[in-house]
Amino acid sequence: MNRRDARSTGEIQTGGTPVPLWRGRCPYHVAVATSKDIRRLALQALYQLDARDGDADAVRESVAGSVDELRASFNAGEMDRALDLAQGAYSRRAEADAAVVALAPGWPVARQPAVDRAILRLAHFEMTTGRTPPKVAVNEAVELAKEFSTDRSPAFVNGVLDKILKSLPIAGESDPPPAPVAPEPII
């Protein structure tokens, strides 16, 4: 079967077995948001929470409106998961900010771009609460920085989160690691 035939019949040939091309367009196919989609929505909600001084109701309305606008495939449970993730990260922002400032004293919270700050807070929350494996949280944060922030942000986010990752207790370890120490300034 050649390409022209595949377009006309809606199938492609794979090893002798025809495979339908309608995947994603079938009326019975239900799209499910991935963890990456939920994290992306949580980042957007966290950014708005920070800009709106924690007004969760306004953010919920805004996020619900943008989901409808973009025709994204979020059901109510997935949207709630994203908003809960954002609210959890927002509620523990002081802890995340303190960890970041201790590891990158040249970049106080006020100096960080708002998107980077939201990415770091979200990843810190995921890493320290056990919601996501820490290495996965770091990788996903770097991907969000590539998508939503500046060219230099992925390296900054990766560097800071890698230091936080190394300071986390290892599963089964009884004593927590020592507190992170800021590097000495070069004179």
N, C-alpha and C. Protein backbone atom coordinates (compact mmCIF):
# COMPACT_ATOMS: atom_id res chain seq x y z
N MET A 1 0.85 -1.17 0.00
CA MET A 1 0.00 0.00 0.00
C MET A 1 0.90 1.23 0.00
N ASN A 2 0.71 2.14 -0.95
CA ASN A 2 1.53 3.34 -0.98
C ASN A 2 0.86 4.46 -0.18
N ARG A 3 1.54 5.62 -0.12
CA ARG A 3 1.02 6.73 0.69
C ARG A 3 -0.34 7.21 0.20
N ARG A 4 -0.52 7.26 -1.11
CA ARG A 4 -1.80 7.73 -1.65
C ARG A 4 -2.93 6.81 -1.18
N ASP A 5 -2.68 5.49 -1.23
CA ASP A 5 -3.68 4.53 -0.78
C ASP A 5 -3.94 4.69 0.72
N ALA A 6 -2.87 4.94 1.49
CA ALA A 6 -3.03 5.10 2.94
C ALA A 6 -3.92 6.30 3.25
N ARG A 7 -3.74 7.38 2.50
CA ARG A 7 -4.58 8.57 2.75
C ARG A 7 -6.03 8.29 2.40
N SER A 8 -6.25 7.57 1.34
CA SER A 8 -7.63 7.34 0.92
C SER A 8 -8.35 6.32 1.80
N THR A 9 -7.63 5.33 2.31
CA THR A 9 -8.29 4.31 3.13
C THR A 9 -8.23 4.62 4.62
N GLY A 10 -7.36 5.55 5.01
CA GLY A 10 -7.24 5.87 6.43
C GLY A 10 -6.44 4.84 7.20
N GLU A 11 -5.61 4.05 6.51
CA GLU A 11 -4.81 3.03 7.15
C GLU A 11 -3.38 3.09 6.64
N ILE A 12 -2.46 2.61 7.46
CA ILE A 12 -1.09 2.41 6.99
C ILE A 12 -0.76 0.94 7.19
N GLN A 13 0.14 0.47 6.40
CA GLN A 13 0.52 -0.93 6.45
C GLN A 13 1.76 -1.07 7.33
N THR A 14 1.70 -1.90 8.36
CA THR A 14 2.85 -2.18 9.20
C THR A 14 3.00 -3.67 9.33
N GLY A 15 3.99 -4.21 8.69
CA GLY A 15 4.26 -5.63 8.77
C GLY A 15 3.08 -6.48 8.32
N GLY A 16 2.33 -6.01 7.33
CA GLY A 16 1.22 -6.78 6.82
C GLY A 16 -0.10 -6.50 7.52
N THR A 17 -0.06 -5.74 8.63
CA THR A 17 -1.29 -5.45 9.36
C THR A 17 -1.68 -3.99 9.18
N PRO A 18 -2.90 -3.71 8.68
CA PRO A 18 -3.31 -2.32 8.55
C PRO A 18 -3.56 -1.69 9.93
N VAL A 19 -3.10 -0.45 10.10
CA VAL A 19 -3.28 0.29 11.36
C VAL A 19 -4.07 1.54 11.05
N PRO A 20 -5.17 1.80 11.75
CA PRO A 20 -5.98 2.98 11.47
C PRO A 20 -5.21 4.27 11.76
N LEU A 21 -5.43 5.28 10.92
CA LEU A 21 -4.78 6.58 11.09
C LEU A 21 -5.63 7.55 11.89
N TRP A 22 -6.80 7.17 12.36
CA TRP A 22 -7.70 8.10 13.03
C TRP A 22 -7.39 8.32 14.48
N ARG A 23 -6.30 7.77 14.98
CA ARG A 23 -5.98 7.90 16.39
C ARG A 23 -6.00 9.38 16.81
N GLY A 24 -6.73 9.68 17.82
CA GLY A 24 -6.86 11.04 18.30
C GLY A 24 -8.04 11.76 17.67
N ARG A 25 -8.58 11.23 16.59
CA ARG A 25 -9.72 11.87 15.95
C ARG A 25 -10.99 11.04 16.10
N CYS A 26 -10.89 9.92 16.70
CA CYS A 26 -12.02 9.03 16.87
C CYS A 26 -12.97 9.63 17.92
N PRO A 27 -14.27 9.59 17.67
CA PRO A 27 -15.20 10.14 18.66
C PRO A 27 -15.18 9.40 19.98
N TYR A 28 -14.65 8.18 19.99
CA TYR A 28 -14.60 7.40 21.22
C TYR A 28 -13.25 7.50 21.93
N HIS A 29 -12.29 8.18 21.29
CA HIS A 29 -10.96 8.35 21.88
C HIS A 29 -11.00 9.47 22.90
N VAL A 30 -10.71 9.17 24.15
CA VAL A 30 -10.73 10.17 25.21
C VAL A 30 -9.29 10.56 25.52
N ALA A 31 -8.98 11.83 25.31
CA ALA A 31 -7.64 12.31 25.60
C ALA A 31 -7.47 12.46 27.11
N VAL A 32 -6.31 12.09 27.61
CA VAL A 32 -6.01 12.20 29.02
C VAL A 32 -4.77 13.07 29.16
N ALA A 33 -4.85 14.02 30.08
CA ALA A 33 -3.70 14.89 30.31
C ALA A 33 -2.58 14.09 30.95
N THR A 34 -1.37 14.32 30.50
CA THR A 34 -0.21 13.64 31.07
C THR A 34 0.27 14.40 32.30
N SER A 35 1.17 13.80 33.03
CA SER A 35 1.77 14.49 34.18
C SER A 35 2.46 15.77 33.73
N LYS A 36 3.06 15.73 32.56
CA LYS A 36 3.73 16.91 32.01
C LYS A 36 2.72 18.03 31.75
N ASP A 37 1.55 17.68 31.21
CA ASP A 37 0.49 18.67 30.98
C ASP A 37 0.01 19.27 32.29
N ILE A 38 -0.18 18.43 33.28
CA ILE A 38 -0.66 18.89 34.59
C ILE A 38 0.39 19.79 35.23
N ARG A 39 1.66 19.43 35.11
CA ARG A 39 2.74 20.25 35.67
C ARG A 39 2.81 21.60 34.96
N ARG A 40 2.63 21.61 33.65
CA ARG A 40 2.64 22.85 32.88
C ARG A 40 1.50 23.77 33.34
N LEU A 41 0.32 23.20 33.54
CA LEU A 41 -0.82 23.98 34.02
C LEU A 41 -0.56 24.46 35.45
N ALA A 42 0.05 23.63 36.28
CA ALA A 42 0.38 24.02 37.65
C ALA A 42 1.37 25.18 37.65
N LEU A 43 2.33 25.16 36.75
CA LEU A 43 3.29 26.27 36.65
C LEU A 43 2.56 27.57 36.30
N GLN A 44 1.65 27.50 35.36
CA GLN A 44 0.91 28.69 34.97
C GLN A 44 0.06 29.21 36.14
N ALA A 45 -0.55 28.30 36.88
CA ALA A 45 -1.35 28.69 38.03
C ALA A 45 -0.47 29.28 39.14
N LEU A 46 0.70 28.67 39.37
CA LEU A 46 1.63 29.17 40.39
C LEU A 46 2.12 30.56 40.03
N TYR A 47 2.42 30.78 38.77
CA TYR A 47 2.84 32.10 38.30
C TYR A 47 1.75 33.13 38.61
N GLN A 48 0.51 32.76 38.34
CA GLN A 48 -0.61 33.66 38.61
C GLN A 48 -0.84 33.87 40.10
N LEU A 49 -0.69 32.82 40.90
CA LEU A 49 -0.81 32.96 42.34
C LEU A 49 0.20 33.98 42.87
N ASP A 50 1.41 33.89 42.37
CA ASP A 50 2.45 34.82 42.79
C ASP A 50 2.10 36.25 42.37
N ALA A 51 1.61 36.41 41.16
CA ALA A 51 1.27 37.75 40.66
C ALA A 51 0.03 38.32 41.34
N ARG A 52 -0.87 37.45 41.79
CA ARG A 52 -2.13 37.91 42.40
C ARG A 52 -2.13 37.76 43.92
N ASP A 53 -0.97 37.68 44.51
CA ASP A 53 -0.83 37.58 45.98
C ASP A 53 -1.65 36.45 46.58
N GLY A 54 -1.70 35.32 45.91
CA GLY A 54 -2.33 34.13 46.47
C GLY A 54 -3.84 34.06 46.35
N ASP A 55 -4.45 34.86 45.49
CA ASP A 55 -5.91 34.82 45.32
C ASP A 55 -6.29 33.57 44.52
N ALA A 56 -6.50 32.48 45.25
CA ALA A 56 -6.74 31.17 44.62
C ALA A 56 -8.02 31.13 43.80
N ASP A 57 -9.06 31.83 44.25
CA ASP A 57 -10.33 31.81 43.51
C ASP A 57 -10.18 32.47 42.15
N ALA A 58 -9.50 33.61 42.10
CA ALA A 58 -9.29 34.30 40.83
C ALA A 58 -8.42 33.46 39.90
N VAL A 59 -7.43 32.80 40.45
CA VAL A 59 -6.56 31.95 39.63
C VAL A 59 -7.34 30.76 39.10
N ARG A 60 -8.18 30.16 39.94
CA ARG A 60 -8.99 29.02 39.50
C ARG A 60 -9.88 29.42 38.31
N GLU A 61 -10.51 30.57 38.40
CA GLU A 61 -11.36 31.06 37.30
C GLU A 61 -10.53 31.32 36.05
N SER A 62 -9.38 31.93 36.23
CA SER A 62 -8.51 32.25 35.10
C SER A 62 -8.01 30.99 34.41
N VAL A 63 -7.57 30.02 35.21
CA VAL A 63 -7.06 28.76 34.64
C VAL A 63 -8.19 28.01 33.94
N ALA A 64 -9.36 27.97 34.55
CA ALA A 64 -10.50 27.29 33.93
C ALA A 64 -10.84 27.95 32.60
N GLY A 65 -10.77 29.26 32.53
CA GLY A 65 -11.04 29.98 31.29
C GLY A 65 -10.00 29.70 30.22
N SER A 66 -8.72 29.64 30.62
CA SER A 66 -7.67 29.39 29.63
C SER A 66 -7.73 27.96 29.12
N VAL A 67 -8.14 27.03 29.97
CA VAL A 67 -8.27 25.64 29.53
C VAL A 67 -9.36 25.56 28.47
N ASP A 68 -10.49 26.24 28.70
CA ASP A 68 -11.57 26.25 27.72
C ASP A 68 -11.11 26.91 26.42
N GLU A 69 -10.39 28.03 26.56
CA GLU A 69 -9.90 28.77 25.40
C GLU A 69 -8.98 27.92 24.53
N LEU A 70 -8.08 27.22 25.16
CA LEU A 70 -7.10 26.41 24.43
C LEU A 70 -7.66 25.06 24.01
N ARG A 71 -8.87 24.75 24.45
CA ARG A 71 -9.50 23.46 24.17
C ARG A 71 -8.61 22.30 24.60
N ALA A 72 -7.97 22.52 25.70
CA ALA A 72 -7.08 21.48 26.24
C ALA A 72 -7.93 20.34 26.79
N SER A 73 -7.30 19.24 26.97
CA SER A 73 -8.02 18.04 27.39
C SER A 73 -7.84 17.79 28.89
N PHE A 74 -8.26 18.74 29.69
CA PHE A 74 -8.19 18.56 31.14
C PHE A 74 -9.59 18.30 31.66
N ASN A 75 -9.75 17.20 32.38
CA ASN A 75 -11.03 17.00 33.05
C ASN A 75 -10.95 17.70 34.40
N ALA A 76 -12.04 17.71 35.14
CA ALA A 76 -12.10 18.45 36.41
C ALA A 76 -11.06 17.92 37.41
N GLY A 77 -10.87 16.61 37.46
CA GLY A 77 -9.90 16.03 38.38
C GLY A 77 -8.47 16.43 38.06
N GLU A 78 -8.14 16.45 36.78
CA GLU A 78 -6.79 16.84 36.36
C GLU A 78 -6.54 18.31 36.65
N MET A 79 -7.55 19.14 36.41
CA MET A 79 -7.40 20.56 36.69
C MET A 79 -7.23 20.77 38.19
N ASP A 80 -7.98 20.03 39.00
CA ASP A 80 -7.84 20.14 40.45
C ASP A 80 -6.44 19.70 40.90
N ARG A 81 -5.92 18.64 40.28
CA ARG A 81 -4.55 18.20 40.62
C ARG A 81 -3.53 19.29 40.33
N ALA A 82 -3.68 19.94 39.18
CA ALA A 82 -2.75 21.02 38.82
C ALA A 82 -2.87 22.18 39.80
N LEU A 83 -4.09 22.56 40.14
CA LEU A 83 -4.28 23.68 41.06
C LEU A 83 -3.81 23.33 42.47
N ASP A 84 -4.02 22.09 42.90
CA ASP A 84 -3.52 21.66 44.21
C ASP A 84 -1.99 21.70 44.24
N LEU A 85 -1.38 21.29 43.17
CA LEU A 85 0.08 21.33 43.07
C LEU A 85 0.57 22.77 43.15
N ALA A 86 -0.08 23.66 42.44
CA ALA A 86 0.31 25.08 42.46
C ALA A 86 0.10 25.68 43.85
N GLN A 87 -1.02 25.39 44.48
CA GLN A 87 -1.30 25.94 45.80
C GLN A 87 -0.34 25.38 46.85
N GLY A 88 0.02 24.11 46.72
CA GLY A 88 0.99 23.52 47.64
C GLY A 88 2.35 24.19 47.51
N ALA A 89 2.77 24.40 46.27
CA ALA A 89 4.07 25.07 46.04
C ALA A 89 4.02 26.51 46.53
N TYR A 90 2.88 27.17 46.33
CA TYR A 90 2.76 28.56 46.78
C TYR A 90 2.79 28.65 48.31
N SER A 91 2.16 27.70 48.96
CA SER A 91 2.13 27.73 50.43
C SER A 91 3.50 27.46 51.04
N ARG A 92 4.37 26.78 50.30
CA ARG A 92 5.72 26.48 50.81
C ARG A 92 6.80 27.28 50.09
N ARG A 93 6.41 28.42 49.52
CA ARG A 93 7.35 29.24 48.75
C ARG A 93 8.48 29.78 49.61
N ALA A 94 8.23 30.10 50.87
CA ALA A 94 9.29 30.65 51.73
C ALA A 94 10.41 29.61 51.91
N GLU A 95 10.03 28.35 52.08
CA GLU A 95 11.01 27.27 52.22
C GLU A 95 11.83 27.11 50.93
N ALA A 96 11.15 27.13 49.81
CA ALA A 96 11.84 27.00 48.52
C ALA A 96 12.76 28.19 48.28
N ASP A 97 12.26 29.39 48.56
CA ASP A 97 13.07 30.60 48.35
C ASP A 97 14.32 30.59 49.22
N ALA A 98 14.18 30.14 50.47
CA ALA A 98 15.33 30.08 51.37
C ALA A 98 16.38 29.09 50.84
N ALA A 99 15.93 27.95 50.35
CA ALA A 99 16.86 26.96 49.81
C ALA A 99 17.59 27.50 48.59
N VAL A 100 16.87 28.20 47.73
CA VAL A 100 17.48 28.75 46.51
C VAL A 100 18.48 29.84 46.86
N VAL A 101 18.11 30.72 47.76
CA VAL A 101 19.02 31.83 48.14
C VAL A 101 20.27 31.28 48.83
N ALA A 102 20.12 30.22 49.61
CA ALA A 102 21.29 29.62 50.26
C ALA A 102 22.25 29.03 49.24
N LEU A 103 21.72 28.53 48.13
CA LEU A 103 22.56 27.89 47.12
C LEU A 103 23.01 28.84 46.02
N ALA A 104 22.27 29.92 45.83
CA ALA A 104 22.62 30.91 44.80
C ALA A 104 22.45 32.30 45.39
N PRO A 105 23.36 32.69 46.30
CA PRO A 105 23.20 33.97 47.00
C PRO A 105 23.25 35.19 46.06
N GLY A 106 23.84 35.03 44.91
CA GLY A 106 23.88 36.13 43.94
C GLY A 106 22.55 36.34 43.23
N TRP A 107 21.61 35.43 43.46
CA TRP A 107 20.30 35.52 42.81
C TRP A 107 19.19 35.52 43.86
N PRO A 108 19.02 36.62 44.61
CA PRO A 108 17.92 36.67 45.57
C PRO A 108 16.58 36.59 44.83
N VAL A 109 15.55 36.25 45.55
CA VAL A 109 14.23 36.02 44.97
C VAL A 109 13.78 37.21 44.11
N ALA A 110 14.00 38.42 44.60
CA ALA A 110 13.55 39.61 43.87
C ALA A 110 14.28 39.78 42.54
N ARG A 111 15.45 39.21 42.42
CA ARG A 111 16.24 39.36 41.18
C ARG A 111 15.92 38.27 40.16
N GLN A 112 15.32 37.18 40.59
CA GLN A 112 15.02 36.07 39.69
C GLN A 112 13.84 36.43 38.79
N PRO A 113 13.90 36.03 37.54
CA PRO A 113 12.71 36.21 36.69
C PRO A 113 11.53 35.44 37.30
N ALA A 114 10.34 35.99 37.18
CA ALA A 114 9.15 35.40 37.81
C ALA A 114 8.90 33.97 37.35
N VAL A 115 9.15 33.69 36.08
CA VAL A 115 8.93 32.34 35.57
C VAL A 115 9.92 31.37 36.20
N ASP A 116 11.19 31.76 36.28
CA ASP A 116 12.20 30.90 36.90
C ASP A 116 11.86 30.64 38.37
N ARG A 117 11.43 31.69 39.05
CA ARG A 117 11.07 31.56 40.46
C ARG A 117 9.92 30.55 40.61
N ALA A 118 8.93 30.64 39.75
CA ALA A 118 7.80 29.70 39.82
C ALA A 118 8.26 28.27 39.51
N ILE A 119 9.12 28.11 38.54
CA ILE A 119 9.64 26.78 38.19
C ILE A 119 10.42 26.19 39.36
N LEU A 120 11.28 26.99 39.98
CA LEU A 120 12.07 26.50 41.12
C LEU A 120 11.17 26.14 42.30
N ARG A 121 10.16 26.97 42.56
CA ARG A 121 9.25 26.68 43.67
C ARG A 121 8.46 25.40 43.43
N LEU A 122 7.99 25.23 42.22
CA LEU A 122 7.22 24.04 41.88
C LEU A 122 8.09 22.79 42.00
N ALA A 123 9.29 22.83 41.44
CA ALA A 123 10.19 21.67 41.51
C ALA A 123 10.60 21.38 42.95
N HIS A 124 10.90 22.41 43.72
CA HIS A 124 11.28 22.22 45.12
C HIS A 124 10.14 21.53 45.87
N PHE A 125 8.92 21.99 45.65
CA PHE A 125 7.76 21.39 46.31
C PHE A 125 7.64 19.91 45.93
N GLU A 126 7.76 19.61 44.65
CA GLU A 126 7.64 18.21 44.21
C GLU A 126 8.76 17.35 44.79
N MET A 127 9.97 17.89 44.83
CA MET A 127 11.12 17.12 45.32
C MET A 127 11.03 16.85 46.82
N THR A 128 10.61 17.84 47.59
CA THR A 128 10.65 17.71 49.04
C THR A 128 9.41 17.06 49.63
N THR A 129 8.35 16.97 48.88
CA THR A 129 7.13 16.33 49.40
C THR A 129 7.01 14.88 48.96
N GLY A 130 7.87 14.45 48.04
CA GLY A 130 7.82 13.08 47.56
C GLY A 130 6.72 12.84 46.53
N ARG A 131 6.12 13.89 46.02
CA ARG A 131 5.07 13.74 45.00
C ARG A 131 5.63 13.21 43.69
N THR A 132 6.88 13.53 43.44
CA THR A 132 7.55 13.14 42.20
C THR A 132 8.96 12.71 42.56
N PRO A 133 9.50 11.70 41.92
CA PRO A 133 10.91 11.37 42.17
C PRO A 133 11.77 12.61 41.90
N PRO A 134 12.69 12.92 42.80
CA PRO A 134 13.46 14.17 42.67
C PRO A 134 14.16 14.36 41.32
N LYS A 135 14.74 13.31 40.77
CA LYS A 135 15.43 13.46 39.49
C LYS A 135 14.45 13.79 38.37
N VAL A 136 13.26 13.23 38.45
CA VAL A 136 12.22 13.54 37.46
C VAL A 136 11.80 15.00 37.60
N ALA A 137 11.64 15.46 38.84
CA ALA A 137 11.25 16.84 39.08
C ALA A 137 12.29 17.81 38.51
N VAL A 138 13.56 17.49 38.67
CA VAL A 138 14.63 18.34 38.11
C VAL A 138 14.53 18.37 36.60
N ASN A 139 14.42 17.20 35.99
CA ASN A 139 14.35 17.12 34.53
C ASN A 139 13.14 17.89 33.99
N GLU A 140 11.99 17.71 34.62
CA GLU A 140 10.78 18.39 34.16
C GLU A 140 10.90 19.90 34.34
N ALA A 141 11.54 20.33 35.42
CA ALA A 141 11.74 21.77 35.64
C ALA A 141 12.63 22.36 34.56
N VAL A 142 13.67 21.66 34.18
CA VAL A 142 14.55 22.14 33.12
C VAL A 142 13.77 22.23 31.80
N GLU A 143 12.93 21.25 31.53
CA GLU A 143 12.12 21.29 30.31
C GLU A 143 11.15 22.48 30.33
N LEU A 144 10.56 22.76 31.49
CA LEU A 144 9.68 23.93 31.60
C LEU A 144 10.46 25.22 31.37
N ALA A 145 11.68 25.28 31.89
CA ALA A 145 12.51 26.47 31.69
C ALA A 145 12.85 26.65 30.21
N LYS A 146 13.11 25.55 29.52
CA LYS A 146 13.38 25.63 28.08
C LYS A 146 12.17 26.16 27.32
N GLU A 147 10.99 25.74 27.76
CA GLU A 147 9.76 26.11 27.06
C GLU A 147 9.29 27.53 27.39
N PHE A 148 9.41 27.94 28.65
CA PHE A 148 8.78 29.18 29.09
C PHE A 148 9.72 30.32 29.45
N SER A 149 11.02 30.06 29.55
CA SER A 149 11.90 31.11 30.05
C SER A 149 13.01 31.45 29.06
N THR A 150 14.03 32.11 29.56
CA THR A 150 15.11 32.61 28.71
C THR A 150 16.08 31.49 28.32
N ASP A 151 17.01 31.82 27.44
CA ASP A 151 18.00 30.84 26.99
C ASP A 151 18.93 30.39 28.12
N ARG A 152 19.18 31.26 29.09
CA ARG A 152 20.10 30.92 30.18
C ARG A 152 19.39 30.22 31.35
N SER A 153 18.09 30.29 31.37
CA SER A 153 17.34 29.77 32.51
C SER A 153 17.47 28.26 32.72
N PRO A 154 17.46 27.43 31.67
CA PRO A 154 17.59 25.98 31.92
C PRO A 154 18.86 25.62 32.70
N ALA A 155 19.97 26.27 32.38
CA ALA A 155 21.22 25.98 33.09
C ALA A 155 21.14 26.43 34.55
N PHE A 156 20.55 27.60 34.78
CA PHE A 156 20.39 28.11 36.14
C PHE A 156 19.48 27.18 36.96
N VAL A 157 18.33 26.84 36.40
CA VAL A 157 17.38 25.96 37.08
C VAL A 157 18.02 24.61 37.37
N ASN A 158 18.72 24.04 36.39
CA ASN A 158 19.38 22.75 36.58
C ASN A 158 20.43 22.82 37.67
N GLY A 159 21.25 23.87 37.66
CA GLY A 159 22.30 24.00 38.66
C GLY A 159 21.76 24.10 40.08
N VAL A 160 20.76 24.94 40.26
CA VAL A 160 20.18 25.13 41.60
C VAL A 160 19.49 23.85 42.07
N LEU A 161 18.67 23.26 41.20
CA LEU A 161 17.93 22.06 41.61
C LEU A 161 18.85 20.87 41.82
N ASP A 162 19.96 20.80 41.08
CA ASP A 162 20.92 19.72 41.30
C ASP A 162 21.52 19.83 42.70
N LYS A 163 21.82 21.06 43.13
CA LYS A 163 22.35 21.25 44.49
C LYS A 163 21.30 20.89 45.53
N ILE A 164 20.05 21.24 45.28
CA ILE A 164 18.98 20.87 46.21
C ILE A 164 18.84 19.35 46.24
N LEU A 165 18.90 18.71 45.07
CA LEU A 165 18.80 17.26 44.98
C LEU A 165 19.88 16.59 45.82
N LYS A 166 21.10 17.10 45.76
CA LYS A 166 22.21 16.51 46.51
C LYS A 166 22.06 16.73 48.01
N SER A 167 21.27 17.74 48.41
CA SER A 167 21.09 18.00 49.83
C SER A 167 19.92 17.22 50.43
N LEU A 168 19.11 16.56 49.58
CA LEU A 168 17.98 15.79 50.08
C LEU A 168 18.46 14.50 50.73
N PRO A 169 17.74 14.06 51.76
CA PRO A 169 18.13 12.78 52.38
C PRO A 169 17.87 11.63 51.42
N ILE A 170 18.74 10.66 51.46
CA ILE A 170 18.59 9.47 50.62
C ILE A 170 17.63 8.53 51.34
N ALA A 171 16.76 7.87 50.58
CA ALA A 171 15.78 6.95 51.17
C ALA A 171 16.49 5.92 52.03
N GLY A 172 16.03 5.77 53.25
CA GLY A 172 16.62 4.80 54.16
C GLY A 172 17.74 5.37 55.00
N GLU A 173 18.15 6.58 54.73
CA GLU A 173 19.21 7.21 55.49
C GLU A 173 18.60 7.83 56.75
N SER A 174 19.18 7.60 57.91
CA SER A 174 18.57 8.08 59.15
C SER A 174 18.90 9.54 59.44
N ASP A 175 20.11 9.96 59.16
CA ASP A 175 20.49 11.34 59.44
C ASP A 175 20.37 12.18 58.19
N PRO A 176 19.74 13.37 58.30
CA PRO A 176 19.66 14.23 57.12
C PRO A 176 21.04 14.78 56.79
N PRO A 177 21.27 15.12 55.53
CA PRO A 177 22.57 15.67 55.15
C PRO A 177 22.74 17.06 55.75
N PRO A 178 23.97 17.55 55.83
CA PRO A 178 24.18 18.89 56.38
C PRO A 178 23.48 19.93 55.51
N ALA A 179 23.16 21.05 56.12
CA ALA A 179 22.51 22.15 55.40
C ALA A 179 23.43 22.65 54.28
N PRO A 180 22.82 23.10 53.18
CA PRO A 180 23.66 23.60 52.09
C PRO A 180 24.44 24.83 52.51
N VAL A 181 25.67 24.89 52.03
CA VAL A 181 26.55 26.00 52.36
C VAL A 181 26.75 26.83 51.10
N ALA A 182 26.61 28.12 51.27
CA ALA A 182 26.81 29.02 50.13
C ALA A 182 28.29 29.05 49.76
N PRO A 183 28.60 29.09 48.48
CA PRO A 183 30.01 29.17 48.08
C PRO A 183 30.63 30.49 48.49
N GLU A 184 31.92 30.43 48.74
CA GLU A 184 32.65 31.65 49.10
C GLU A 184 32.77 32.56 47.89
N PRO A 185 32.58 33.88 48.08
CA PRO A 185 32.72 34.79 46.94
C PRO A 185 34.17 34.86 46.47
N ILE A 186 34.32 34.99 45.19
CA ILE A 186 35.65 35.11 44.59
C ILE A 186 36.03 36.58 44.61
N ILE A 187 37.19 36.85 45.17
CA ILE A 187 37.63 38.24 45.28
C ILE A 187 38.74 38.54 44.32
